[in-house]
C-alpha atoms as a PDB file:
ATOM      1  CA  UNK A   1      58.908 158.657  33.220  1.00  0.00           C
ATOM      2  CA  UNK A   2      61.992 160.868  32.922  1.00  0.00           C
ATOM      3  CA  UNK A   3      64.072 160.318  29.802  1.00  0.00           C
ATOM      4  CA  UNK A   4      67.770 159.279  29.884  1.00  0.00           C
ATOM      5  CA  UNK A   5      67.899 158.184  33.545  1.00  0.00           C
ATOM      6  CA  UNK A   6      66.948 154.503  33.247  1.00  0.00           C
ATOM      7  CA  UNK A   7      69.411 151.724  32.361  1.00  0.00           C
ATOM      8  CA  UNK A   8      69.022 149.895  29.070  1.00  0.00           C
ATOM      9  CA  UNK A   9      66.792 146.818  29.399  1.00  0.00           C
ATOM     10  CA  UNK A  10      67.888 144.216  26.855  1.00  0.00           C
ATOM     11  CA  UNK A  11      68.495 140.509  26.201  1.00  0.00           C
ATOM     12  CA  UNK A  12      71.661 139.283  27.960  1.00  0.00           C
ATOM     13  CA  UNK A  13      73.312 135.854  27.898  1.00  0.00           C
ATOM     14  CA  UNK A  14      74.174 134.502  31.349  1.00  0.00           C
ATOM     15  CA  UNK A  15      76.898 131.844  31.039  1.00  0.00           C
ATOM     16  CA  UNK A  16      77.570 129.315  33.801  1.00  0.00           C
ATOM     17  CA  UNK A  17      81.352 128.891  33.529  1.00  0.00           C
ATOM     18  CA  UNK A  18      81.317 125.507  35.315  1.00  0.00           C
ATOM     19  CA  UNK A  19      78.761 123.780  33.091  1.00  0.00           C
ATOM     20  CA  UNK A  20      78.878 126.006  29.983  1.00  0.00           C
ATOM     21  CA  UNK A  21      75.069 126.425  30.227  1.00  0.00           C
ATOM     22  CA  UNK A  22      73.778 129.555  28.492  1.00  0.00           C
ATOM     23  CA  UNK A  23      70.555 131.334  29.424  1.00  0.00           C
ATOM     24  CA  UNK A  24      69.147 134.332  27.569  1.00  0.00           C
ATOM     25  CA  UNK A  25      67.287 136.682  29.927  1.00  0.00           C
ATOM     26  CA  UNK A  26      66.268 140.319  29.742  1.00  0.00           C
ATOM     27  CA  UNK A  27      68.378 142.359  32.129  1.00  0.00           C
ATOM     28  CA  UNK A  28      69.974 145.745  32.800  1.00  0.00           C
ATOM     29  CA  UNK A  29      73.335 144.279  33.835  1.00  0.00           C
ATOM     30  CA  UNK A  30      76.351 146.077  32.358  1.00  0.00           C
ATOM     31  CA  UNK A  31      78.841 143.844  30.516  1.00  0.00           C
ATOM     32  CA  UNK A  32      82.060 144.253  28.537  1.00  0.00           C
ATOM     33  CA  UNK A  33      81.917 140.995  26.608  1.00  0.00           C
ATOM     34  CA  UNK A  34      79.518 139.762  23.962  1.00  0.00           C
ATOM     35  CA  UNK A  35      78.657 136.400  22.407  1.00  0.00           C
ATOM     36  CA  UNK A  36      77.082 135.365  19.121  1.00  0.00           C
ATOM     37  CA  UNK A  37      74.229 132.842  19.351  1.00  0.00           C
ATOM     38  CA  UNK A  38      72.174 131.762  16.345  1.00  0.00           C
ATOM     39  CA  UNK A  39      73.346 134.747  14.314  1.00  0.00           C
ATOM     40  CA  UNK A  40      72.472 137.313  16.976  1.00  0.00           C
ATOM     41  CA  UNK A  41      75.020 139.091  19.151  1.00  0.00           C
ATOM     42  CA  UNK A  42      74.189 139.445  22.846  1.00  0.00           C
ATOM     43  CA  UNK A  43      75.992 140.972  25.840  1.00  0.00           C
ATOM     44  CA  UNK A  44      77.635 138.213  27.928  1.00  0.00           C
ATOM     45  CA  UNK A  45      77.631 137.931  31.717  1.00  0.00           C
ATOM     46  CA  UNK A  46      79.688 135.084  33.222  1.00  0.00           C
ATOM     47  CA  UNK A  47      78.343 133.467  36.410  1.00  0.00           C
ATOM     48  CA  UNK A  48      80.435 131.312  38.738  1.00  0.00           C
ATOM     49  CA  UNK A  49      77.466 129.409  40.150  1.00  0.00           C
ATOM     50  CA  UNK A  50      73.922 128.944  38.876  1.00  0.00           C
ATOM     51  CA  UNK A  51      71.168 126.424  39.569  1.00  0.00           C
ATOM     52  CA  UNK A  52      72.749 124.171  36.903  1.00  0.00           C
ATOM     53  CA  UNK A  53      76.014 123.871  38.861  1.00  0.00           C
ATOM     54  CA  UNK A  54      75.197 124.513  42.545  1.00  0.00           C
ATOM     55  CA  UNK A  55      75.333 121.290  44.603  1.00  0.00           C
ATOM     56  CA  UNK A  56      72.029 122.032  46.336  1.00  0.00           C
ATOM     57  CA  UNK A  57      70.131 122.066  43.034  1.00  0.00           C
ATOM     58  CA  UNK A  58      72.074 119.294  41.268  1.00  0.00           C
ATOM     59  CA  UNK A  59      71.724 116.778  44.117  1.00  0.00           C
ATOM     60  CA  UNK A  60      75.487 116.337  44.397  1.00  0.00           C
ATOM     61  CA  UNK A  61      75.538 117.800  47.877  1.00  0.00           C
ATOM     62  CA  UNK A  62      77.518 115.592  50.246  1.00  0.00           C
ATOM     63  CA  UNK A  63      75.974 114.861  53.584  1.00  0.00           C
ATOM     64  CA  UNK A  64      78.144 115.031  56.651  1.00  0.00           C
ATOM     65  CA  UNK A  65      78.006 112.138  59.044  1.00  0.00           C
ATOM     66  CA  UNK A  66      76.045 113.362  62.048  1.00  0.00           C
ATOM     67  CA  UNK A  67      77.955 111.237  64.561  1.00  0.00           C
ATOM     68  CA  UNK A  68      81.207 112.802  63.384  1.00  0.00           C
ATOM     69  CA  UNK A  69      79.802 116.259  64.010  1.00  0.00           C
ATOM     70  CA  UNK A  70      78.622 115.323  67.510  1.00  0.00           C
ATOM     71  CA  UNK A  71      81.961 113.763  68.428  1.00  0.00           C
ATOM     72  CA  UNK A  72      83.817 116.804  67.145  1.00  0.00           C
ATOM     73  CA  UNK A  73      81.563 119.058  69.243  1.00  0.00           C
ATOM     74  CA  UNK A  74      82.065 116.956  72.364  1.00  0.00           C
ATOM     75  CA  UNK A  75      85.839 116.873  71.902  1.00  0.00           C
ATOM     76  CA  UNK A  76      85.983 120.631  71.465  1.00  0.00           C
ATOM     77  CA  UNK A  77      83.861 121.515  74.500  1.00  0.00           C
ATOM     78  CA  UNK A  78      84.728 118.656  76.858  1.00  0.00           C
ATOM     79  CA  UNK A  79      87.325 120.794  78.607  1.00  0.00           C
ATOM     80  CA  UNK A  80      84.861 123.572  79.464  1.00  0.00           C
ATOM     81  CA  UNK A  81      81.888 121.320  80.219  1.00  0.00           C
ATOM     82  CA  UNK A  82      83.461 119.299  83.046  1.00  0.00           C
ATOM     83  CA  UNK A  83      81.375 119.574  86.224  1.00  0.00           C
ATOM     84  CA  UNK A  84      82.906 121.463  89.141  1.00  0.00           C
ATOM     85  CA  UNK A  85      83.409 119.512  92.350  1.00  0.00           C
ATOM     86  CA  UNK A  86      82.506 120.957  95.753  1.00  0.00           C
ATOM     87  CA  UNK A  87      85.368 121.498  98.153  1.00  0.00           C
END
């Protein structure tokens, strides 16, 4: 392995800004901020969405009413889908 070409692999805190959930993971991500946890200082990476806040994983995903979708589709394409009459 060549020296001085690989990024530093270290413990990094990933912070979910929506839920304030912190996860310490080893990573090479470059950060400008740091955070102190249990007496140790770690680089901090702020995430907008993680599995703790994404609606798919939390079960808070709202389901669209299927009939509303079908009616919206029919209303949008009813003008172009009209059958042509023979003359």
